[in-house]
Amino acid sequence: MGIGNTTAAAALCAGLFGGSAEMWTGAPEPEVAGAALETKRRVVAEAAARHRPAAHDPFDILRRLGGLELAAITGAVMAARLGRVPVVLDGFASTAAAAVLFAADPHALDHCVVAHLSAEPGHRRLLEQIGSNRSSISACGSAKPPARPSPSPC
């Protein structure tokens, strides 16, 4: 995705589900530590505090806290659901974008599976929030295939 997307993803998660900026942000990269990490946390906290109370629904939170790339992912996941196409979510930013749909309807991600656990600490928290049954992630963070194929939820 690119630099800065975990900041927008963390702000989006804080807006959707609450919690502190520290809960949604971390330092998966060595260059995001110390003052840089504190700045990231401050930005997430200020953005969520400013926009969460004024938002009307999860899509309004997306409008206020997500970037265009997160909105595009949200739309693609929704279109896939309507088209009965399974989706593989890969990482924190894409899962945060999909979480907008979950916040609107807990069944909206029934066609999704998470294939990658990001080093960003907020990703694990987000997976707990949206339900771990969507994940086939091993302890080392890579996807493992299910023991036998399960029927398509579509």
C-alpha atoms as a PDB file:
ATOM      1  CA  MET A   1       0.000   0.000   0.000  1.00  0.00           C
ATOM      2  CA  GLY A   2       2.592   2.566   0.950  1.00  0.00           C
ATOM      3  CA  ILE A   3       3.971   4.701   3.716  1.00  0.00           C
ATOM      4  CA  GLY A   4       1.429   6.146   6.122  1.00  0.00           C
ATOM      5  CA  ASN A   5      -1.373   3.679   5.494  1.00  0.00           C
ATOM      6  CA  THR A   6      -1.015   2.026   8.888  1.00  0.00           C
ATOM      7  CA  THR A   7      -1.610   5.439  10.461  1.00  0.00           C
ATOM      8  CA  ALA A   8      -4.858   5.872   8.522  1.00  0.00           C
ATOM      9  CA  ALA A   9      -5.810   2.248   9.264  1.00  0.00           C
ATOM     10  CA  ALA A  10      -5.190   2.765  12.985  1.00  0.00           C
ATOM     11  CA  ALA A  11      -7.251   5.976  13.002  1.00  0.00           C
ATOM     12  CA  LEU A  12     -10.044   4.197  11.138  1.00  0.00           C
ATOM     13  CA  CYS A  13     -10.042   1.335  13.657  1.00  0.00           C
ATOM     14  CA  ALA A  14     -10.057   3.751  16.591  1.00  0.00           C
ATOM     15  CA  GLY A  15     -12.972   5.565  14.992  1.00  0.00           C
ATOM     16  CA  LEU A  16     -14.914   2.382  14.303  1.00  0.00           C
ATOM     17  CA  PHE A  17     -14.263   0.444  17.493  1.00  0.00           C
ATOM     18  CA  GLY A  18     -12.904   2.910  20.051  1.00  0.00           C
ATOM     19  CA  GLY A  19      -9.846   2.356  22.170  1.00  0.00           C
ATOM     20  CA  SER A  20      -6.661   4.302  22.594  1.00  0.00           C
ATOM     21  CA  ALA A  21      -4.188   5.166  19.882  1.00  0.00           C
ATOM     22  CA  GLU A  22      -1.654   2.998  21.717  1.00  0.00           C
ATOM     23  CA  MET A  23      -4.022   0.068  21.284  1.00  0.00           C
ATOM     24  CA  TRP A  24      -4.113   0.478  17.495  1.00  0.00           C
ATOM     25  CA  THR A  25      -0.550   1.608  16.749  1.00  0.00           C
ATOM     26  CA  GLY A  26       2.841   0.112  17.313  1.00  0.00           C
ATOM     27  CA  ALA A  27       6.306  -0.013  15.911  1.00  0.00           C
ATOM     28  CA  PRO A  28       6.665  -2.850  13.410  1.00  0.00           C
ATOM     29  CA  GLU A  29       9.401  -0.953  11.577  1.00  0.00           C
ATOM     30  CA  PRO A  30      12.560   0.112  13.429  1.00  0.00           C
ATOM     31  CA  GLU A  31      12.329   3.610  11.944  1.00  0.00           C
ATOM     32  CA  VAL A  32       8.934   4.149  13.631  1.00  0.00           C
ATOM     33  CA  ALA A  33      10.042   4.386  17.233  1.00  0.00           C
ATOM     34  CA  GLY A  34      10.581   7.055  19.823  1.00  0.00           C
ATOM     35  CA  ALA A  35       9.411  10.465  18.645  1.00  0.00           C
ATOM     36  CA  ALA A  36       8.067   9.110  15.329  1.00  0.00           C
ATOM     37  CA  LEU A  37       5.899   6.574  17.126  1.00  0.00           C
ATOM     38  CA  GLU A  38       4.644   9.198  19.565  1.00  0.00           C
ATOM     39  CA  THR A  39       3.747  11.480  16.639  1.00  0.00           C
ATOM     40  CA  LYS A  40       1.873   8.625  14.962  1.00  0.00           C
ATOM     41  CA  ARG A  41      -0.050   7.929  18.156  1.00  0.00           C
ATOM     42  CA  ARG A  42      -0.845  11.604  18.677  1.00  0.00           C
ATOM     43  CA  VAL A  43      -2.159  11.934  15.108  1.00  0.00           C
ATOM     44  CA  VAL A  44      -4.352   8.831  15.495  1.00  0.00           C
ATOM     45  CA  ALA A  45      -5.690   9.981  18.883  1.00  0.00           C
ATOM     46  CA  GLU A  46      -6.452  13.520  17.692  1.00  0.00           C
ATOM     47  CA  ALA A  47      -8.122  12.354  14.480  1.00  0.00           C
ATOM     48  CA  ALA A  48     -10.326   9.812  16.258  1.00  0.00           C
ATOM     49  CA  ALA A  49     -11.242  12.285  19.009  1.00  0.00           C
ATOM     50  CA  ARG A  50     -12.175  14.931  16.459  1.00  0.00           C
ATOM     51  CA  HIS A  51     -14.181  12.811  14.037  1.00  0.00           C
ATOM     52  CA  ARG A  52     -15.686   9.883  15.960  1.00  0.00           C
ATOM     53  CA  PRO A  53     -18.302  11.937  17.872  1.00  0.00           C
ATOM     54  CA  ALA A  54     -19.492  13.669  14.692  1.00  0.00           C
ATOM     55  CA  ALA A  55     -19.710  10.545  12.526  1.00  0.00           C
ATOM     56  CA  HIS A  56     -23.165   9.185  11.752  1.00  0.00           C
ATOM     57  CA  ASP A  57     -22.248   5.636  10.740  1.00  0.00           C
ATOM     58  CA  PRO A  58     -19.237   3.493   9.759  1.00  0.00           C
ATOM     59  CA  PHE A  59     -19.174   4.907   6.236  1.00  0.00           C
ATOM     60  CA  ASP A  60     -19.012   8.431   7.626  1.00  0.00           C
ATOM     61  CA  ILE A  61     -16.082   7.342   9.790  1.00  0.00           C
ATOM     62  CA  LEU A  62     -14.412   5.997   6.635  1.00  0.00           C
ATOM     63  CA  ARG A  63     -15.063   9.320   4.902  1.00  0.00           C
ATOM     64  CA  ARG A  64     -13.538  11.233   7.789  1.00  0.00           C
ATOM     65  CA  LEU A  65     -10.587   9.006   8.754  1.00  0.00           C
ATOM     66  CA  GLY A  66      -9.743   6.763   5.798  1.00  0.00           C
ATOM     67  CA  GLY A  67      -7.912   7.753   2.677  1.00  0.00           C
ATOM     68  CA  LEU A  68      -9.118   7.199  -0.858  1.00  0.00           C
ATOM     69  CA  GLU A  69      -7.207   3.921  -1.053  1.00  0.00           C
ATOM     70  CA  LEU A  70      -8.997   2.563   2.034  1.00  0.00           C
ATOM     71  CA  ALA A  71     -12.345   3.692   0.626  1.00  0.00           C
ATOM     72  CA  ALA A  72     -11.534   1.927  -2.654  1.00  0.00           C
ATOM     73  CA  ILE A  73     -10.760  -1.305  -0.798  1.00  0.00           C
ATOM     74  CA  THR A  74     -14.006  -1.012   1.171  1.00  0.00           C
ATOM     75  CA  GLY A  75     -15.916  -0.594  -2.082  1.00  0.00           C
ATOM     76  CA  ALA A  76     -14.138  -3.510  -3.730  1.00  0.00           C
ATOM     77  CA  VAL A  77     -14.909  -5.806  -0.786  1.00  0.00           C
ATOM     78  CA  MET A  78     -18.557  -4.718  -0.898  1.00  0.00           C
ATOM     79  CA  ALA A  79     -18.763  -5.275  -4.656  1.00  0.00           C
ATOM     80  CA  ALA A  80     -17.236  -8.719  -4.230  1.00  0.00           C
ATOM     81  CA  ARG A  81     -19.862  -9.573  -1.628  1.00  0.00           C
ATOM     82  CA  LEU A  82     -22.637  -8.505  -3.968  1.00  0.00           C
ATOM     83  CA  GLY A  83     -21.020 -10.496  -6.780  1.00  0.00           C
ATOM     84  CA  ARG A  84     -20.616 -13.565  -4.548  1.00  0.00           C
ATOM     85  CA  VAL A  85     -16.827 -13.477  -4.956  1.00  0.00           C
ATOM     86  CA  PRO A  86     -14.588 -14.558  -2.053  1.00  0.00           C
ATOM     87  CA  VAL A  87     -12.005 -12.043  -0.817  1.00  0.00           C
ATOM     88  CA  VAL A  88      -8.581 -12.625   0.725  1.00  0.00           C
ATOM     89  CA  LEU A  89      -7.593  -9.738   3.005  1.00  0.00           C
ATOM     90  CA  ASP A  90      -3.855  -9.219   3.251  1.00  0.00           C
ATOM     91  CA  GLY A  91      -2.571  -7.109   6.120  1.00  0.00           C
ATOM     92  CA  PHE A  92      -3.693  -4.370   8.457  1.00  0.00           C
ATOM     93  CA  ALA A  93      -4.748  -1.676   5.984  1.00  0.00           C
ATOM     94  CA  SER A  94      -6.946  -3.930   3.852  1.00  0.00           C
ATOM     95  CA  THR A  95      -8.512  -5.524   6.933  1.00  0.00           C
ATOM     96  CA  ALA A  96      -9.208  -2.073   8.422  1.00  0.00           C
ATOM     97  CA  ALA A  97     -10.910  -1.013   5.188  1.00  0.00           C
ATOM     98  CA  ALA A  98     -13.050  -4.162   5.235  1.00  0.00           C
ATOM     99  CA  ALA A  99     -13.871  -3.588   8.914  1.00  0.00           C
ATOM    100  CA  VAL A 100     -16.029  -0.635   7.879  1.00  0.00           C
ATOM    101  CA  LEU A 101     -18.422  -3.165   6.361  1.00  0.00           C
ATOM    102  CA  PHE A 102     -18.286  -5.331   9.492  1.00  0.00           C
ATOM    103  CA  ALA A 103     -19.158  -2.307  11.637  1.00  0.00           C
ATOM    104  CA  ALA A 104     -22.206  -1.724   9.433  1.00  0.00           C
ATOM    105  CA  ASP A 105     -23.240  -5.402   9.339  1.00  0.00           C
ATOM    106  CA  PRO A 106     -21.408  -8.197  11.193  1.00  0.00           C
ATOM    107  CA  HIS A 107     -22.189 -10.596   8.308  1.00  0.00           C
ATOM    108  CA  ALA A 108     -20.774  -8.310   5.617  1.00  0.00           C
ATOM    109  CA  LEU A 109     -17.400 -10.071   5.722  1.00  0.00           C
ATOM    110  CA  ASP A 110     -18.698 -13.622   5.592  1.00  0.00           C
ATOM    111  CA  HIS A 111     -17.069 -13.957   2.169  1.00  0.00           C
ATOM    112  CA  CYS A 112     -13.632 -12.884   3.467  1.00  0.00           C
ATOM    113  CA  VAL A 113     -10.630 -14.657   4.913  1.00  0.00           C
ATOM    114  CA  VAL A 114      -7.521 -13.005   6.337  1.00  0.00           C
ATOM    115  CA  ALA A 115      -4.321 -14.393   4.852  1.00  0.00           C
ATOM    116  CA  HIS A 116      -1.625 -12.316   6.507  1.00  0.00           C
ATOM    117  CA  LEU A 117      -1.036 -11.049  10.015  1.00  0.00           C
ATOM    118  CA  SER A 118       0.755  -7.730   9.855  1.00  0.00           C
ATOM    119  CA  ALA A 119       3.506  -6.838  12.288  1.00  0.00           C
ATOM    120  CA  GLU A 120       1.387  -3.808  13.208  1.00  0.00           C
ATOM    121  CA  PRO A 121      -0.036  -4.602  16.677  1.00  0.00           C
ATOM    122  CA  GLY A 122      -3.413  -3.148  15.775  1.00  0.00           C
ATOM    123  CA  HIS A 123      -3.943  -5.862  13.170  1.00  0.00           C
ATOM    124  CA  ARG A 124      -4.175  -8.615  15.781  1.00  0.00           C
ATOM    125  CA  ARG A 125      -6.603  -6.473  17.806  1.00  0.00           C
ATOM    126  CA  LEU A 126      -8.670  -5.846  14.701  1.00  0.00           C
ATOM    127  CA  LEU A 127      -8.870  -9.572  13.954  1.00  0.00           C
ATOM    128  CA  GLU A 128     -10.119 -10.135  17.494  1.00  0.00           C
ATOM    129  CA  GLN A 129     -12.720  -7.402  16.943  1.00  0.00           C
ATOM    130  CA  ILE A 130     -14.089  -8.739  13.653  1.00  0.00           C
ATOM    131  CA  GLY A 131     -13.877 -12.397  14.661  1.00  0.00           C
ATOM    132  CA  SER A 132     -11.000 -14.815  14.498  1.00  0.00           C
ATOM    133  CA  ASN A 133     -13.068 -17.346  12.541  1.00  0.00           C
ATOM    134  CA  ARG A 134     -12.142 -15.387   9.400  1.00  0.00           C
ATOM    135  CA  SER A 135      -8.492 -16.172   9.825  1.00  0.00           C
ATOM    136  CA  SER A 136      -6.361 -19.146   8.920  1.00  0.00           C
ATOM    137  CA  ILE A 137      -3.166 -17.581  10.219  1.00  0.00           C
ATOM    138  CA  SER A 138      -0.461 -19.674  11.808  1.00  0.00           C
ATOM    139  CA  ALA A 139       1.673 -18.618  14.747  1.00  0.00           C
ATOM    140  CA  CYS A 140       4.420 -17.434  12.417  1.00  0.00           C
ATOM    141  CA  GLY A 141       2.026 -15.027  10.713  1.00  0.00           C
ATOM    142  CA  SER A 142       1.639 -16.745   7.363  1.00  0.00           C
ATOM    143  CA  ALA A 143      -1.529 -18.313   6.103  1.00  0.00           C
ATOM    144  CA  LYS A 144      -2.027 -22.044   6.320  1.00  0.00           C
ATOM    145  CA  PRO A 145      -4.609 -23.881   4.271  1.00  0.00           C
ATOM    146  CA  PRO A 146      -7.584 -25.383   6.069  1.00  0.00           C
ATOM    147  CA  ALA A 147      -7.496 -29.127   6.717  1.00  0.00           C
ATOM    148  CA  ARG A 148     -10.252 -29.558   4.140  1.00  0.00           C
ATOM    149  CA  PRO A 149     -11.966 -27.048   1.916  1.00  0.00           C
ATOM    150  CA  SER A 150     -14.972 -25.433   3.485  1.00  0.00           C
ATOM    151  CA  PRO A 151     -18.092 -24.511   1.534  1.00  0.00           C
ATOM    152  CA  SER A 152     -18.135 -21.048   0.055  1.00  0.00           C
ATOM    153  CA  PRO A 153     -20.051 -18.559   2.237  1.00  0.00           C
ATOM    154  CA  CYS A 154     -21.296 -16.842  -0.908  1.00  0.00           C
END
